[in-house]
Amino acid sequence: MKSFLLMILIVSTHQLMAQKYSCRDGYVKFFSEAPMEDIEAHNNEGTSIFKANTGEVAFSVPIKGFTFDKSLMQEHFNEKYMESDKFPNTTFKGSITGYSQGQPGWQDATANGEFTIHGVSKNVDIEGEVQFSGNQCTMKATFPVRLEDYNIKIPKVVFYNIAEVVEVTINFDYKKSEDAN
């Protein structure tokens, strides 16, 4: 009887530990709709860890990973606005709530935590969706970011070229981690 209980404990512990997911190529897009022109940039270099059994999540996105259609926009974005040498990453650390890991299909979920952009950290709530399928998990969300909240200054000269609030879209495809600790 003791060995049976021990075996159940070991299997249960392994299943809890095996609920860690990782993503090495998370997609992030930002879109700025302004009177003079729309600006869009894409990044496929987001990395993230998600512990499904606790909801803990953390991600990091390198600022220099954003690509633009126009190289001059990319240069200005990195040097003048985001100061990517000084603030190389955008990060989030918090938890995801509102999902059930065993439930099929897309589920509404909320990420709560500390979002850091341009060296400024803010507590945020981000509405999104989560889907579990086999050894994979996908998270996606679209949410507004007010540049002023993160001390990103827009010079008056280009004020009509860049929106004060940009739309950020994320799509992270996670795989169950081999290292489940």
Protein backbone atom coordinates (compact mmCIF):
# COMPACT_ATOMS: atom_id res chain seq x y z
CA MET A 1 0.00 0.00 0.00
CA LYS A 2 2.85 2.41 0.88
CA SER A 3 4.55 1.77 -2.47
CA PHE A 4 1.27 2.40 -4.31
CA LEU A 5 0.83 5.78 -2.52
CA LEU A 6 4.47 6.65 -3.21
CA MET A 7 3.99 5.85 -6.91
CA ILE A 8 0.87 8.09 -7.06
CA LEU A 9 2.80 10.90 -5.35
CA ILE A 10 5.70 10.58 -7.80
CA VAL A 11 3.39 10.56 -10.84
CA SER A 12 1.38 13.54 -9.50
CA THR A 13 4.54 15.53 -8.77
CA HIS A 14 5.91 14.78 -12.24
CA GLN A 15 2.66 15.93 -13.86
CA LEU A 16 2.70 19.21 -11.91
CA MET A 17 6.34 19.82 -12.80
CA ALA A 18 5.70 18.97 -16.45
CA GLN A 19 3.35 21.93 -16.85
CA LYS A 20 6.16 24.34 -17.74
CA TYR A 21 6.06 25.76 -21.25
CA SER A 22 8.63 27.81 -23.12
CA CYS A 23 8.64 29.98 -26.23
CA ARG A 24 11.75 31.14 -28.07
CA ASP A 25 10.25 32.94 -31.06
CA GLY A 26 7.25 34.87 -29.78
CA TYR A 27 5.68 37.31 -32.21
CA VAL A 28 5.07 40.94 -31.26
CA LYS A 29 3.70 43.66 -33.52
CA PHE A 30 3.05 47.29 -32.84
CA PHE A 31 0.91 49.54 -34.94
CA SER A 32 0.70 53.33 -34.82
CA GLU A 33 -2.15 54.97 -36.69
CA ALA A 34 -1.49 58.68 -37.14
CA PRO A 35 -2.76 61.43 -39.49
CA MET A 36 0.41 61.55 -41.63
CA GLU A 37 1.23 57.83 -41.85
CA ASP A 38 0.71 54.46 -40.26
CA ILE A 39 3.73 52.76 -38.74
CA GLU A 40 4.00 49.03 -38.17
CA ALA A 41 6.87 46.91 -36.87
CA HIS A 42 7.26 43.17 -36.31
CA ASN A 43 9.44 41.12 -33.98
CA ASN A 44 9.82 37.31 -33.82
CA GLU A 45 12.41 37.22 -31.04
CA GLY A 46 10.24 37.16 -27.91
CA THR A 47 11.21 34.57 -25.30
CA SER A 48 8.92 33.41 -22.54
CA ILE A 49 8.35 30.87 -19.78
CA PHE A 50 4.85 29.90 -18.64
CA LYS A 51 4.03 27.62 -15.71
CA ALA A 52 0.50 26.43 -16.46
CA ASN A 53 -0.11 24.91 -13.03
CA THR A 54 0.56 28.25 -11.24
CA GLY A 55 -0.19 30.75 -14.03
CA GLU A 56 3.23 32.38 -13.64
CA VAL A 57 4.50 33.92 -16.85
CA ALA A 58 7.49 36.03 -17.87
CA PHE A 59 8.62 37.29 -21.25
CA SER A 60 11.33 39.41 -22.76
CA VAL A 61 11.36 41.05 -26.19
CA PRO A 62 14.55 42.63 -27.59
CA ILE A 63 13.81 46.13 -28.87
CA LYS A 64 16.35 45.85 -31.69
CA GLY A 65 14.40 42.82 -32.96
CA PHE A 66 11.62 45.06 -34.34
CA THR A 67 11.78 45.43 -38.11
CA PHE A 68 10.15 48.17 -40.18
CA ASP A 69 9.45 48.60 -43.89
CA LYS A 70 11.67 51.71 -43.90
CA SER A 71 15.19 51.46 -42.48
CA LEU A 72 15.15 55.13 -41.39
CA MET A 73 12.08 54.44 -39.22
CA GLN A 74 13.90 51.52 -37.63
CA GLU A 75 16.95 53.70 -36.94
CA HIS A 76 14.85 56.49 -35.36
CA PHE A 77 12.83 53.97 -33.34
CA ASN A 78 15.99 52.46 -31.81
CA GLU A 79 18.06 55.63 -31.37
CA LYS A 80 15.61 58.47 -30.70
CA TYR A 81 12.48 56.95 -29.19
CA MET A 82 13.26 53.60 -27.55
CA GLU A 83 16.97 54.24 -26.83
CA SER A 84 17.50 50.51 -27.32
CA ASP A 85 21.19 50.58 -26.35
CA LYS A 86 20.17 51.93 -22.93
CA PHE A 87 16.90 49.93 -22.64
CA PRO A 88 17.47 46.77 -24.72
CA ASN A 89 14.36 44.78 -23.73
CA THR A 90 10.69 45.05 -22.98
CA THR A 91 9.66 42.63 -20.23
CA PHE A 92 6.60 41.32 -18.46
CA LYS A 93 6.47 39.31 -15.25
CA GLY A 94 3.21 38.27 -13.68
CA SER A 95 0.47 35.68 -13.88
CA ILE A 96 -2.27 34.51 -16.19
CA THR A 97 -5.71 33.80 -14.74
CA GLY A 98 -9.11 32.72 -16.03
CA TYR A 99 -8.15 29.58 -17.95
CA SER A 100 -8.55 25.87 -17.39
CA GLN A 101 -5.64 23.81 -18.68
CA GLY A 102 -7.78 20.77 -19.52
CA GLN A 103 -10.38 22.72 -21.50
CA PRO A 104 -10.13 22.51 -25.31
CA GLY A 105 -10.38 25.54 -27.57
CA TRP A 106 -9.66 29.22 -27.04
CA GLN A 107 -10.31 30.58 -23.55
CA ASP A 108 -10.43 34.16 -22.34
CA ALA A 109 -7.65 34.92 -19.88
CA THR A 110 -6.11 37.93 -18.14
CA ALA A 111 -2.43 38.66 -17.60
CA ASN A 112 -1.70 40.73 -14.49
CA GLY A 113 1.79 41.92 -13.70
CA GLU A 114 4.65 44.30 -14.19
CA PHE A 115 5.20 45.51 -17.76
CA THR A 116 8.50 47.31 -18.38
CA ILE A 117 9.14 49.42 -21.47
CA HIS A 118 11.88 52.00 -21.93
CA GLY A 119 13.04 51.42 -18.33
CA VAL A 120 9.62 52.27 -16.85
CA SER A 121 7.61 49.59 -15.04
CA LYS A 122 3.83 49.69 -14.70
CA ASN A 123 1.35 47.23 -13.24
CA VAL A 124 -1.05 46.23 -16.01
CA ASP A 125 -3.99 43.94 -16.73
CA ILE A 126 -4.03 42.60 -20.29
CA GLU A 127 -7.03 40.74 -21.69
CA GLY A 128 -6.20 37.95 -24.09
CA GLU A 129 -6.78 34.33 -25.04
CA VAL A 130 -5.10 31.01 -24.24
CA GLN A 131 -5.35 27.67 -26.01
CA PHE A 132 -3.90 24.31 -24.95
CA SER A 133 -3.40 21.55 -27.50
CA GLY A 134 -1.32 18.47 -26.70
CA ASN A 135 2.16 19.60 -25.65
CA GLN A 136 1.56 23.13 -26.88
CA CYS A 137 -0.02 26.30 -25.57
CA THR A 138 -0.73 29.51 -27.48
CA MET A 139 -1.35 32.95 -26.01
CA LYS A 140 -2.50 35.98 -27.92
CA ALA A 141 -3.60 39.49 -27.03
CA THR A 142 -4.00 42.95 -28.52
CA PHE A 143 -3.80 45.93 -26.19
CA PRO A 144 -3.04 49.68 -26.17
CA VAL A 145 0.19 51.20 -24.88
CA ARG A 146 0.29 54.93 -24.12
CA LEU A 147 3.83 56.10 -25.00
CA GLU A 148 3.75 58.90 -22.42
CA ASP A 149 3.22 56.31 -19.63
CA TYR A 150 6.65 54.86 -20.41
CA ASN A 151 8.50 58.19 -20.89
CA ILE A 152 8.76 57.72 -24.65
CA LYS A 153 8.99 61.27 -25.98
CA ILE A 154 7.66 62.21 -29.40
CA PRO A 155 9.21 65.42 -30.79
CA LYS A 156 6.69 68.06 -31.94
CA VAL A 157 8.19 67.90 -35.45
CA VAL A 158 6.90 64.34 -35.94
CA PHE A 159 3.87 64.55 -33.62
CA TYR A 160 1.46 63.89 -36.54
CA ASN A 161 3.50 60.88 -37.69
CA ILE A 162 3.30 58.82 -34.49
CA ALA A 163 0.22 58.05 -32.41
CA GLU A 164 0.24 58.79 -28.68
CA VAL A 165 -1.21 55.31 -28.10
CA VAL A 166 0.08 52.37 -30.10
CA GLU A 167 -1.61 49.01 -30.53
CA VAL A 168 0.50 46.03 -29.46
CA THR A 169 -0.31 42.49 -30.60
CA ILE A 170 1.37 39.41 -29.18
CA ASN A 171 1.18 35.79 -30.27
CA PHE A 172 3.36 33.33 -28.35
CA ASP A 173 3.41 29.63 -29.27
CA TYR A 174 4.73 27.60 -26.33
CA LYS A 175 5.99 24.05 -26.20
CA LYS A 176 6.02 21.92 -23.09
CA SER A 177 9.55 22.14 -21.68
CA GLU A 178 11.77 19.12 -21.37
CA ASP A 179 13.28 20.80 -18.31
CA ALA A 180 10.15 20.73 -16.21
CA ASN A 181 11.62 22.09 -12.95
